[in-house]
Amino acid sequence: MALTAGIKKTACTIGVMAAAAGMVGGGLAGTANAKPGIANISVGSGNSHGVWCVQRAVNNWAERTGKGRPIGEDGKFGSATKTWVVKFQKASKLPADGIVGPKTGNSVLDNAGHHRGYCYDHVPSTRR
């Protein structure tokens, strides 16, 4: 009886450990590719995580080019964010329309710094 209970306890522990390892591995693997079907990000966008990623990336770019960190990273795409997205697009030689679609999203991801993996799930991109 005691041996059977010990085997069951060991099997249960191994199962829990395997499940945990799968969740960790799955979580890491999920950051490697952008999610398909992420909508463009623009003024009034409801994708606050994506807007934050755009704001962070634009601020990273602006800081590297001597312009400071000009926009608040509040997840709200207003006129200041649009103005700086247009500047970012011009500097990246992209159509400067203030809308973050897949091509601008690629540049956003390139400038997201150590948040890049997180931003893959919230910014439109051609990288699949």
N, C-alpha and C. Protein backbone atom coordinates (compact mmCIF):
# COMPACT_ATOMS: atom_id res chain seq x y z
N MET A 1 0.82 -1.19 0.00
CA MET A 1 0.00 0.00 0.00
C MET A 1 0.87 1.26 0.00
N ALA A 2 1.83 1.33 0.91
CA ALA A 2 2.68 2.51 1.03
C ALA A 2 3.48 2.71 -0.25
N LEU A 3 3.95 1.63 -0.85
CA LEU A 3 4.71 1.74 -2.10
C LEU A 3 3.84 2.30 -3.21
N THR A 4 2.59 1.84 -3.31
CA THR A 4 1.68 2.33 -4.34
C THR A 4 1.41 3.82 -4.15
N ALA A 5 1.21 4.29 -2.93
CA ALA A 5 0.98 5.71 -2.66
C ALA A 5 2.20 6.52 -3.04
N GLY A 6 3.40 6.01 -2.76
CA GLY A 6 4.63 6.70 -3.11
C GLY A 6 4.80 6.83 -4.62
N ILE A 7 4.46 5.78 -5.35
CA ILE A 7 4.55 5.81 -6.81
C ILE A 7 3.56 6.83 -7.36
N LYS A 8 2.34 6.85 -6.83
CA LYS A 8 1.34 7.79 -7.30
C LYS A 8 1.79 9.23 -7.02
N LYS A 9 2.37 9.47 -5.85
CA LYS A 9 2.84 10.81 -5.49
C LYS A 9 3.96 11.25 -6.43
N THR A 10 4.90 10.34 -6.72
CA THR A 10 6.01 10.63 -7.63
C THR A 10 5.48 10.91 -9.04
N ALA A 11 4.55 10.11 -9.50
CA ALA A 11 3.97 10.31 -10.83
C ALA A 11 3.26 11.65 -10.91
N CYS A 12 2.54 11.99 -9.85
CA CYS A 12 1.84 13.28 -9.81
C CYS A 12 2.84 14.44 -9.87
N THR A 13 3.92 14.34 -9.10
CA THR A 13 4.95 15.39 -9.07
C THR A 13 5.58 15.54 -10.45
N ILE A 14 5.88 14.44 -11.10
CA ILE A 14 6.48 14.48 -12.44
C ILE A 14 5.50 15.13 -13.42
N GLY A 15 4.23 14.79 -13.31
CA GLY A 15 3.22 15.37 -14.20
C GLY A 15 3.12 16.87 -14.03
N VAL A 16 3.12 17.34 -12.78
CA VAL A 16 3.05 18.78 -12.52
C VAL A 16 4.28 19.47 -13.07
N MET A 17 5.46 18.88 -12.87
CA MET A 17 6.69 19.48 -13.37
C MET A 17 6.69 19.55 -14.90
N ALA A 18 6.20 18.50 -15.54
CA ALA A 18 6.15 18.48 -17.00
C ALA A 18 5.19 19.54 -17.52
N ALA A 19 4.05 19.69 -16.85
CA ALA A 19 3.08 20.72 -17.25
C ALA A 19 3.68 22.11 -17.10
N ALA A 20 4.38 22.34 -16.00
CA ALA A 20 5.00 23.65 -15.78
C ALA A 20 6.07 23.92 -16.83
N ALA A 21 6.86 22.93 -17.15
CA ALA A 21 7.89 23.10 -18.17
C ALA A 21 7.25 23.41 -19.53
N GLY A 22 6.15 22.77 -19.82
CA GLY A 22 5.45 23.04 -21.08
C GLY A 22 4.92 24.45 -21.14
N MET A 23 4.41 24.96 -20.02
CA MET A 23 3.90 26.33 -19.99
C MET A 23 5.04 27.32 -20.18
N VAL A 24 6.15 27.10 -19.52
CA VAL A 24 7.29 28.01 -19.65
C VAL A 24 7.82 27.96 -21.08
N GLY A 25 8.04 26.78 -21.60
CA GLY A 25 8.54 26.65 -22.96
C GLY A 25 7.58 27.22 -23.97
N GLY A 26 6.29 26.98 -23.79
CA GLY A 26 5.28 27.50 -24.70
C GLY A 26 5.24 29.02 -24.66
N GLY A 27 5.39 29.58 -23.46
CA GLY A 27 5.38 31.03 -23.33
C GLY A 27 6.56 31.66 -24.03
N LEU A 28 7.71 31.04 -23.93
CA LEU A 28 8.89 31.58 -24.60
C LEU A 28 8.78 31.43 -26.10
N ALA A 29 8.25 30.30 -26.55
CA ALA A 29 8.13 30.08 -27.98
C ALA A 29 7.13 31.06 -28.59
N GLY A 30 6.11 31.45 -27.83
CA GLY A 30 5.08 32.34 -28.34
C GLY A 30 5.59 33.74 -28.64
N THR A 31 6.69 34.15 -28.09
CA THR A 31 7.18 35.50 -28.33
C THR A 31 8.02 35.60 -29.61
N ALA A 32 8.27 34.49 -30.27
CA ALA A 32 9.15 34.51 -31.43
C ALA A 32 8.47 35.05 -32.68
N ASN A 33 7.16 34.94 -32.78
CA ASN A 33 6.45 35.34 -33.98
C ASN A 33 5.33 36.31 -33.65
N ALA A 34 5.07 37.22 -34.57
CA ALA A 34 3.97 38.16 -34.40
C ALA A 34 2.65 37.41 -34.54
N LYS A 35 1.64 37.90 -33.83
CA LYS A 35 0.31 37.33 -33.97
C LYS A 35 -0.28 37.79 -35.29
N PRO A 36 -0.93 36.90 -36.02
CA PRO A 36 -1.58 37.32 -37.26
C PRO A 36 -2.84 38.14 -36.96
N GLY A 37 -3.17 39.03 -37.86
CA GLY A 37 -4.43 39.75 -37.77
C GLY A 37 -4.47 40.90 -36.78
N ILE A 38 -3.34 41.43 -36.37
CA ILE A 38 -3.35 42.58 -35.48
C ILE A 38 -3.70 43.82 -36.31
N ALA A 39 -4.70 44.55 -35.87
CA ALA A 39 -5.18 45.72 -36.60
C ALA A 39 -4.14 46.85 -36.57
N ASN A 40 -4.22 47.70 -37.58
CA ASN A 40 -3.37 48.90 -37.61
C ASN A 40 -3.61 49.72 -36.35
N ILE A 41 -2.60 50.47 -35.96
CA ILE A 41 -2.67 51.31 -34.76
C ILE A 41 -2.64 52.77 -35.21
N SER A 42 -3.62 53.54 -34.74
CA SER A 42 -3.69 54.95 -35.12
C SER A 42 -4.46 55.72 -34.05
N VAL A 43 -4.74 56.99 -34.32
CA VAL A 43 -5.45 57.83 -33.36
C VAL A 43 -6.74 57.13 -32.91
N GLY A 44 -6.92 57.08 -31.60
CA GLY A 44 -8.12 56.47 -31.03
C GLY A 44 -8.07 54.95 -30.95
N SER A 45 -6.94 54.35 -31.28
CA SER A 45 -6.83 52.89 -31.26
C SER A 45 -7.14 52.34 -29.88
N GLY A 46 -7.90 51.26 -29.85
CA GLY A 46 -8.22 50.60 -28.59
C GLY A 46 -7.16 49.61 -28.15
N ASN A 47 -6.11 49.43 -28.93
CA ASN A 47 -5.04 48.49 -28.64
C ASN A 47 -4.01 49.20 -27.75
N SER A 48 -4.32 49.37 -26.46
CA SER A 48 -3.44 50.16 -25.59
C SER A 48 -2.06 49.53 -25.44
N HIS A 49 -1.96 48.19 -25.49
CA HIS A 49 -0.65 47.53 -25.40
C HIS A 49 0.18 47.86 -26.64
N GLY A 50 -0.46 47.81 -27.81
CA GLY A 50 0.23 48.14 -29.05
C GLY A 50 0.64 49.60 -29.09
N VAL A 51 -0.25 50.47 -28.63
CA VAL A 51 0.07 51.91 -28.59
C VAL A 51 1.27 52.14 -27.69
N TRP A 52 1.29 51.49 -26.53
CA TRP A 52 2.43 51.63 -25.62
C TRP A 52 3.72 51.18 -26.32
N CYS A 53 3.66 50.08 -27.05
CA CYS A 53 4.85 49.60 -27.77
C CYS A 53 5.32 50.63 -28.79
N VAL A 54 4.37 51.24 -29.50
CA VAL A 54 4.71 52.27 -30.48
C VAL A 54 5.36 53.45 -29.76
N GLN A 55 4.76 53.90 -28.67
CA GLN A 55 5.31 55.03 -27.92
C GLN A 55 6.71 54.72 -27.40
N ARG A 56 6.90 53.53 -26.88
CA ARG A 56 8.22 53.14 -26.36
C ARG A 56 9.25 53.14 -27.48
N ALA A 57 8.90 52.54 -28.63
CA ALA A 57 9.84 52.45 -29.74
C ALA A 57 10.18 53.83 -30.31
N VAL A 58 9.17 54.68 -30.46
CA VAL A 58 9.41 56.03 -30.97
C VAL A 58 10.30 56.81 -29.99
N ASN A 59 10.03 56.68 -28.70
CA ASN A 59 10.88 57.35 -27.71
C ASN A 59 12.31 56.81 -27.74
N ASN A 60 12.47 55.50 -27.91
CA ASN A 60 13.82 54.93 -28.01
C ASN A 60 14.56 55.52 -29.21
N TRP A 61 13.87 55.59 -30.35
CA TRP A 61 14.46 56.17 -31.56
C TRP A 61 14.80 57.64 -31.33
N ALA A 62 13.84 58.39 -30.78
CA ALA A 62 14.04 59.83 -30.56
C ALA A 62 15.22 60.08 -29.62
N GLU A 63 15.33 59.28 -28.59
CA GLU A 63 16.43 59.45 -27.65
C GLU A 63 17.78 59.17 -28.32
N ARG A 64 17.84 58.12 -29.12
CA ARG A 64 19.09 57.78 -29.82
C ARG A 64 19.49 58.85 -30.82
N THR A 65 18.51 59.61 -31.33
CA THR A 65 18.81 60.63 -32.33
C THR A 65 18.82 62.04 -31.74
N GLY A 66 18.94 62.13 -30.42
CA GLY A 66 19.12 63.41 -29.76
C GLY A 66 17.85 64.24 -29.56
N LYS A 67 16.70 63.62 -29.63
CA LYS A 67 15.44 64.36 -29.49
C LYS A 67 14.76 64.10 -28.15
N GLY A 68 15.46 63.44 -27.25
CA GLY A 68 14.86 63.13 -25.94
C GLY A 68 13.81 62.03 -26.03
N ARG A 69 12.89 62.04 -25.09
CA ARG A 69 11.77 61.09 -25.06
C ARG A 69 10.50 61.94 -25.11
N PRO A 70 10.06 62.31 -26.32
CA PRO A 70 9.07 63.36 -26.47
C PRO A 70 7.61 63.01 -26.16
N ILE A 71 7.27 61.75 -26.08
CA ILE A 71 5.86 61.42 -25.86
C ILE A 71 5.68 60.56 -24.61
N GLY A 72 4.55 60.78 -23.96
CA GLY A 72 4.22 59.96 -22.80
C GLY A 72 3.90 58.54 -23.23
N GLU A 73 4.30 57.59 -22.43
CA GLU A 73 4.04 56.16 -22.72
C GLU A 73 2.82 55.73 -21.90
N ASP A 74 1.65 56.23 -22.34
CA ASP A 74 0.42 56.00 -21.59
C ASP A 74 -0.56 55.05 -22.28
N GLY A 75 -0.20 54.55 -23.45
CA GLY A 75 -1.08 53.62 -24.16
C GLY A 75 -2.25 54.29 -24.87
N LYS A 76 -2.22 55.61 -24.98
CA LYS A 76 -3.28 56.36 -25.66
C LYS A 76 -2.69 57.04 -26.89
N PHE A 77 -3.26 56.75 -28.05
CA PHE A 77 -2.75 57.29 -29.30
C PHE A 77 -3.47 58.59 -29.61
N GLY A 78 -2.85 59.69 -29.19
CA GLY A 78 -3.40 61.02 -29.43
C GLY A 78 -2.57 61.78 -30.44
N SER A 79 -2.77 63.09 -30.47
CA SER A 79 -2.11 63.91 -31.50
C SER A 79 -0.59 63.93 -31.35
N ALA A 80 -0.08 63.94 -30.11
CA ALA A 80 1.38 63.96 -29.93
C ALA A 80 2.00 62.66 -30.43
N THR A 81 1.35 61.55 -30.13
CA THR A 81 1.88 60.27 -30.63
C THR A 81 1.85 60.25 -32.15
N LYS A 82 0.75 60.73 -32.74
CA LYS A 82 0.66 60.74 -34.20
C LYS A 82 1.77 61.60 -34.81
N THR A 83 1.99 62.79 -34.25
CA THR A 83 3.04 63.68 -34.75
C THR A 83 4.40 62.98 -34.76
N TRP A 84 4.70 62.29 -33.67
CA TRP A 84 6.00 61.63 -33.58
C TRP A 84 6.07 60.35 -34.39
N VAL A 85 4.94 59.68 -34.60
CA VAL A 85 4.93 58.51 -35.49
C VAL A 85 5.24 58.97 -36.91
N VAL A 86 4.69 60.10 -37.33
CA VAL A 86 4.98 60.65 -38.66
C VAL A 86 6.48 60.95 -38.80
N LYS A 87 7.07 61.57 -37.79
CA LYS A 87 8.52 61.86 -37.83
C LYS A 87 9.32 60.56 -37.90
N PHE A 88 8.90 59.57 -37.11
CA PHE A 88 9.55 58.26 -37.10
C PHE A 88 9.44 57.60 -38.47
N GLN A 89 8.25 57.67 -39.08
CA GLN A 89 8.06 57.08 -40.40
C GLN A 89 8.94 57.77 -41.44
N LYS A 90 9.01 59.09 -41.41
CA LYS A 90 9.86 59.82 -42.36
C LYS A 90 11.32 59.40 -42.21
N ALA A 91 11.78 59.32 -40.97
CA ALA A 91 13.17 58.93 -40.72
C ALA A 91 13.43 57.49 -41.16
N SER A 92 12.39 56.66 -41.12
CA SER A 92 12.52 55.25 -41.52
C SER A 92 12.24 55.04 -43.00
N LYS A 93 12.01 56.17 -43.73
CA LYS A 93 11.71 56.14 -45.17
C LYS A 93 10.47 55.30 -45.48
N LEU A 94 9.44 55.52 -44.64
CA LEU A 94 8.14 54.86 -44.81
C LEU A 94 7.09 55.91 -45.15
N PRO A 95 5.97 55.49 -45.73
CA PRO A 95 4.88 56.46 -45.94
C PRO A 95 4.51 57.11 -44.61
N ALA A 96 4.51 58.44 -44.58
CA ALA A 96 4.31 59.18 -43.33
C ALA A 96 2.84 59.57 -43.17
N ASP A 97 2.03 58.60 -42.74
CA ASP A 97 0.60 58.84 -42.58
C ASP A 97 0.14 58.81 -41.12
N GLY A 98 1.07 58.51 -40.20
CA GLY A 98 0.71 58.46 -38.79
C GLY A 98 -0.03 57.20 -38.38
N ILE A 99 -0.10 56.24 -39.27
CA ILE A 99 -0.78 54.97 -38.99
C ILE A 99 0.27 53.87 -38.92
N VAL A 100 0.22 53.08 -37.86
CA VAL A 100 1.17 51.98 -37.70
C VAL A 100 0.53 50.72 -38.27
N GLY A 101 0.91 50.44 -39.52
CA GLY A 101 0.52 49.19 -40.17
C GLY A 101 1.70 48.23 -40.10
N PRO A 102 1.66 47.14 -40.86
CA PRO A 102 2.73 46.14 -40.78
C PRO A 102 4.13 46.66 -41.09
N LYS A 103 4.30 47.53 -42.08
CA LYS A 103 5.65 48.01 -42.41
C LYS A 103 6.19 48.92 -41.32
N THR A 104 5.38 49.85 -40.84
CA THR A 104 5.82 50.68 -39.72
C THR A 104 6.00 49.81 -38.49
N GLY A 105 5.14 48.82 -38.35
CA GLY A 105 5.26 47.89 -37.21
C GLY A 105 6.60 47.18 -37.19
N ASN A 106 7.13 46.84 -38.36
CA ASN A 106 8.45 46.22 -38.41
C ASN A 106 9.50 47.14 -37.79
N SER A 107 9.43 48.44 -38.14
CA SER A 107 10.38 49.41 -37.58
C SER A 107 10.15 49.61 -36.09
N VAL A 108 8.89 49.59 -35.69
CA VAL A 108 8.57 49.69 -34.25
C VAL A 108 9.25 48.54 -33.52
N LEU A 109 9.09 47.33 -34.03
CA LEU A 109 9.70 46.16 -33.37
C LEU A 109 11.22 46.28 -33.34
N ASP A 110 11.81 46.82 -34.40
CA ASP A 110 13.26 47.01 -34.43
C ASP A 110 13.74 48.01 -33.38
N ASN A 111 12.85 48.90 -32.96
CA ASN A 111 13.22 49.95 -32.00
C ASN A 111 12.64 49.74 -30.61
N ALA A 112 12.00 48.60 -30.38
CA ALA A 112 11.32 48.36 -29.10
C ALA A 112 12.27 47.96 -27.98
N GLY A 113 13.54 47.78 -28.30
CA GLY A 113 14.51 47.41 -27.27
C GLY A 113 14.19 46.07 -26.65
N HIS A 114 14.39 45.98 -25.35
CA HIS A 114 14.18 44.69 -24.69
C HIS A 114 12.70 44.33 -24.54
N HIS A 115 11.80 45.18 -25.02
CA HIS A 115 10.36 44.88 -25.00
C HIS A 115 9.90 44.26 -26.32
N ARG A 116 10.82 44.02 -27.20
CA ARG A 116 10.48 43.52 -28.54
C ARG A 116 9.63 42.25 -28.51
N GLY A 117 10.01 41.27 -27.70
CA GLY A 117 9.25 40.03 -27.61
C GLY A 117 7.82 40.27 -27.19
N TYR A 118 7.62 41.14 -26.21
CA TYR A 118 6.27 41.49 -25.75
C TYR A 118 5.50 42.18 -26.87
N CYS A 119 6.15 43.09 -27.56
CA CYS A 119 5.47 43.89 -28.57
C CYS A 119 5.07 43.09 -29.80
N TYR A 120 5.74 41.98 -30.07
CA TYR A 120 5.34 41.13 -31.20
C TYR A 120 3.87 40.74 -31.13
N ASP A 121 3.35 40.61 -29.92
CA ASP A 121 1.96 40.19 -29.75
C ASP A 121 0.96 41.34 -29.85
N HIS A 122 1.44 42.59 -30.02
CA HIS A 122 0.54 43.73 -29.97
C HIS A 122 0.69 44.72 -31.11
N VAL A 123 1.68 44.52 -31.98
CA VAL A 123 1.95 45.46 -33.07
C VAL A 123 1.83 44.72 -34.40
N PRO A 124 1.12 45.32 -35.38
CA PRO A 124 1.05 44.66 -36.70
C PRO A 124 2.44 44.59 -37.32
N SER A 125 2.70 43.51 -38.02
CA SER A 125 4.03 43.28 -38.57
C SER A 125 3.93 42.30 -39.73
N THR A 126 4.92 42.33 -40.61
CA THR A 126 4.98 41.31 -41.67
C THR A 126 5.79 40.10 -41.21
N ARG A 127 6.34 40.17 -40.03
CA ARG A 127 7.19 39.09 -39.52
C ARG A 127 6.34 38.03 -38.84
N ARG A 128 6.26 36.89 -39.46
CA ARG A 128 5.42 35.80 -38.95
C ARG A 128 6.25 34.61 -38.57
